[in-house]
Amino acid sequence: MTNYDAHVRKLLETSPNMAVPWMLMASYLYYYREVSLFSDSYFDYLCTMLIQHWTMFEHRHKALILQTDLESGSLYRLKESDYPTICRDTAQMLARQL
């Protein structure tokens, strides 16, 4: 597997709220570990999907993502310390599996 596009696409069919942590993990890895969890086109798709259905999503880390982040297609404004420990740890585990 070269990325998690297909895996996450299938997961979100039944658990759409998981888009929030996957977006955070992908962003963390991209900006702080130079690892791409998703293809660019799938990351863009996630941004669009989150924008379109923003009010529907419920996740404890949703407040970390601003709609302006999604509109720009980047969570670059987040500092490494802004990402929850569970997000950083899980992201690094996923990166090792790539």
C-alpha atoms as a PDB file:
ATOM      1  CA  MET A   1       0.000   0.000   0.000  1.00  0.00           C
ATOM      2  CA  THR A   2       1.430   3.344  -0.993  1.00  0.00           C
ATOM      3  CA  ASN A   3      -1.149   5.421   0.857  1.00  0.00           C
ATOM      4  CA  TYR A   4      -4.362   5.126   2.829  1.00  0.00           C
ATOM      5  CA  ASP A   5      -6.786   6.610   0.276  1.00  0.00           C
ATOM      6  CA  ALA A   6      -8.845   3.460  -0.372  1.00  0.00           C
ATOM      7  CA  HIS A   7      -8.811   2.350   3.268  1.00  0.00           C
ATOM      8  CA  VAL A   8     -10.107   5.672   4.548  1.00  0.00           C
ATOM      9  CA  ARG A   9     -12.628   6.067   1.736  1.00  0.00           C
ATOM     10  CA  LYS A  10     -14.201   2.748   2.789  1.00  0.00           C
ATOM     11  CA  LEU A  11     -14.006   3.577   6.513  1.00  0.00           C
ATOM     12  CA  LEU A  12     -15.776   6.909   6.041  1.00  0.00           C
ATOM     13  CA  GLU A  13     -18.740   5.201   4.385  1.00  0.00           C
ATOM     14  CA  THR A  14     -19.731   3.806   7.793  1.00  0.00           C
ATOM     15  CA  SER A  15     -17.897   6.194  10.166  1.00  0.00           C
ATOM     16  CA  PRO A  16     -17.887   9.679   8.624  1.00  0.00           C
ATOM     17  CA  ASN A  17     -16.796  11.355  11.874  1.00  0.00           C
ATOM     18  CA  MET A  18     -13.439   9.636  11.450  1.00  0.00           C
ATOM     19  CA  ALA A  19     -12.660  12.185   8.736  1.00  0.00           C
ATOM     20  CA  VAL A  20     -11.583  14.567  11.503  1.00  0.00           C
ATOM     21  CA  PRO A  21      -8.787  12.448  13.038  1.00  0.00           C
ATOM     22  CA  TRP A  22      -7.635  11.213   9.635  1.00  0.00           C
ATOM     23  CA  MET A  23      -7.357  14.799   8.423  1.00  0.00           C
ATOM     24  CA  LEU A  24      -5.344  15.717  11.508  1.00  0.00           C
ATOM     25  CA  MET A  25      -3.061  12.700  11.211  1.00  0.00           C
ATOM     26  CA  ALA A  26      -2.437  13.343   7.514  1.00  0.00           C
ATOM     27  CA  SER A  27      -1.641  16.981   8.187  1.00  0.00           C
ATOM     28  CA  TYR A  28       0.662  16.190  11.099  1.00  0.00           C
ATOM     29  CA  LEU A  29       2.652  13.665   9.088  1.00  0.00           C
ATOM     30  CA  TYR A  30       2.869  15.903   6.039  1.00  0.00           C
ATOM     31  CA  TYR A  31       4.113  18.992   7.865  1.00  0.00           C
ATOM     32  CA  TYR A  32       6.166  17.467  10.666  1.00  0.00           C
ATOM     33  CA  ARG A  33       7.400  14.101   9.362  1.00  0.00           C
ATOM     34  CA  GLU A  34       7.451  14.663   5.589  1.00  0.00           C
ATOM     35  CA  VAL A  35       5.187  11.652   5.026  1.00  0.00           C
ATOM     36  CA  SER A  36       2.110  11.664   2.797  1.00  0.00           C
ATOM     37  CA  LEU A  37      -0.637   9.528   4.259  1.00  0.00           C
ATOM     38  CA  PHE A  38      -2.918  10.343   1.300  1.00  0.00           C
ATOM     39  CA  SER A  39      -2.553  11.343  -2.297  1.00  0.00           C
ATOM     40  CA  ASP A  40      -2.942  15.093  -2.866  1.00  0.00           C
ATOM     41  CA  SER A  41      -6.252  14.517  -4.618  1.00  0.00           C
ATOM     42  CA  TYR A  42      -7.666  12.507  -1.706  1.00  0.00           C
ATOM     43  CA  PHE A  43      -6.546  15.131   0.822  1.00  0.00           C
ATOM     44  CA  ASP A  44      -8.321  17.754  -1.295  1.00  0.00           C
ATOM     45  CA  TYR A  45     -11.402  15.515  -1.414  1.00  0.00           C
ATOM     46  CA  LEU A  46     -11.401  15.257   2.408  1.00  0.00           C
ATOM     47  CA  CYS A  47     -11.196  19.041   2.706  1.00  0.00           C
ATOM     48  CA  THR A  48     -14.138  19.463   0.350  1.00  0.00           C
ATOM     49  CA  MET A  49     -16.178  16.775   2.080  1.00  0.00           C
ATOM     50  CA  LEU A  50     -15.549  18.292   5.499  1.00  0.00           C
ATOM     51  CA  ILE A  51     -16.546  21.752   4.243  1.00  0.00           C
ATOM     52  CA  GLN A  52     -19.751  20.474   2.652  1.00  0.00           C
ATOM     53  CA  HIS A  53     -20.879  18.532   5.714  1.00  0.00           C
ATOM     54  CA  TRP A  54     -19.158  20.501   8.502  1.00  0.00           C
ATOM     55  CA  THR A  55     -22.167  20.737  10.815  1.00  0.00           C
ATOM     56  CA  MET A  56     -22.742  16.985  10.603  1.00  0.00           C
ATOM     57  CA  PHE A  57     -19.344  16.010  12.006  1.00  0.00           C
ATOM     58  CA  GLU A  58     -18.906  15.300  15.689  1.00  0.00           C
ATOM     59  CA  HIS A  59     -15.470  14.595  17.064  1.00  0.00           C
ATOM     60  CA  ARG A  60     -13.642  15.794  20.160  1.00  0.00           C
ATOM     61  CA  HIS A  61     -10.809  17.227  18.035  1.00  0.00           C
ATOM     62  CA  LYS A  62     -13.015  18.983  15.473  1.00  0.00           C
ATOM     63  CA  ALA A  63     -12.301  22.388  17.045  1.00  0.00           C
ATOM     64  CA  LEU A  64      -8.662  22.110  15.955  1.00  0.00           C
ATOM     65  CA  ILE A  65      -9.744  22.393  12.323  1.00  0.00           C
ATOM     66  CA  LEU A  66     -11.085  25.680  11.046  1.00  0.00           C
ATOM     67  CA  GLN A  67     -13.220  25.960   7.957  1.00  0.00           C
ATOM     68  CA  THR A  68     -10.667  28.421   6.596  1.00  0.00           C
ATOM     69  CA  ASP A  69      -8.060  25.644   6.902  1.00  0.00           C
ATOM     70  CA  LEU A  70     -10.229  23.394   4.783  1.00  0.00           C
ATOM     71  CA  GLU A  71     -10.901  26.119   2.240  1.00  0.00           C
ATOM     72  CA  SER A  72      -7.171  26.663   1.811  1.00  0.00           C
ATOM     73  CA  GLY A  73      -6.528  22.904   1.753  1.00  0.00           C
ATOM     74  CA  SER A  74      -3.996  23.130   4.571  1.00  0.00           C
ATOM     75  CA  LEU A  75      -3.709  22.818   8.325  1.00  0.00           C
ATOM     76  CA  TYR A  76      -0.298  24.475   8.161  1.00  0.00           C
ATOM     77  CA  ARG A  77      -1.234  26.972  10.892  1.00  0.00           C
ATOM     78  CA  LEU A  78      -1.243  24.203  13.532  1.00  0.00           C
ATOM     79  CA  LYS A  79       1.941  23.902  15.540  1.00  0.00           C
ATOM     80  CA  GLU A  80       3.258  20.425  16.232  1.00  0.00           C
ATOM     81  CA  SER A  81       2.227  20.796  19.874  1.00  0.00           C
ATOM     82  CA  ASP A  82      -1.374  21.586  18.811  1.00  0.00           C
ATOM     83  CA  TYR A  83      -1.906  18.034  17.631  1.00  0.00           C
ATOM     84  CA  PRO A  84      -3.240  15.719  20.350  1.00  0.00           C
ATOM     85  CA  THR A  85      -0.836  13.022  21.537  1.00  0.00           C
ATOM     86  CA  ILE A  86      -3.136  10.265  20.303  1.00  0.00           C
ATOM     87  CA  CYS A  87      -3.094  11.853  16.851  1.00  0.00           C
ATOM     88  CA  ARG A  88       0.693  12.144  16.723  1.00  0.00           C
ATOM     89  CA  ASP A  89       1.277   8.624  18.059  1.00  0.00           C
ATOM     90  CA  THR A  90      -1.251   6.964  15.772  1.00  0.00           C
ATOM     91  CA  ALA A  91      -0.021   8.915  12.763  1.00  0.00           C
ATOM     92  CA  GLN A  92       3.549   7.816  13.355  1.00  0.00           C
ATOM     93  CA  MET A  93       2.438   4.193  13.691  1.00  0.00           C
ATOM     94  CA  LEU A  94       0.565   4.468  10.368  1.00  0.00           C
ATOM     95  CA  ALA A  95       3.570   6.063   8.695  1.00  0.00           C
ATOM     96  CA  ARG A  96       5.750   3.110   9.701  1.00  0.00           C
ATOM     97  CA  GLN A  97       3.270   0.797   7.958  1.00  0.00           C
ATOM     98  CA  LEU A  98       3.528   2.646   4.622  1.00  0.00           C
END
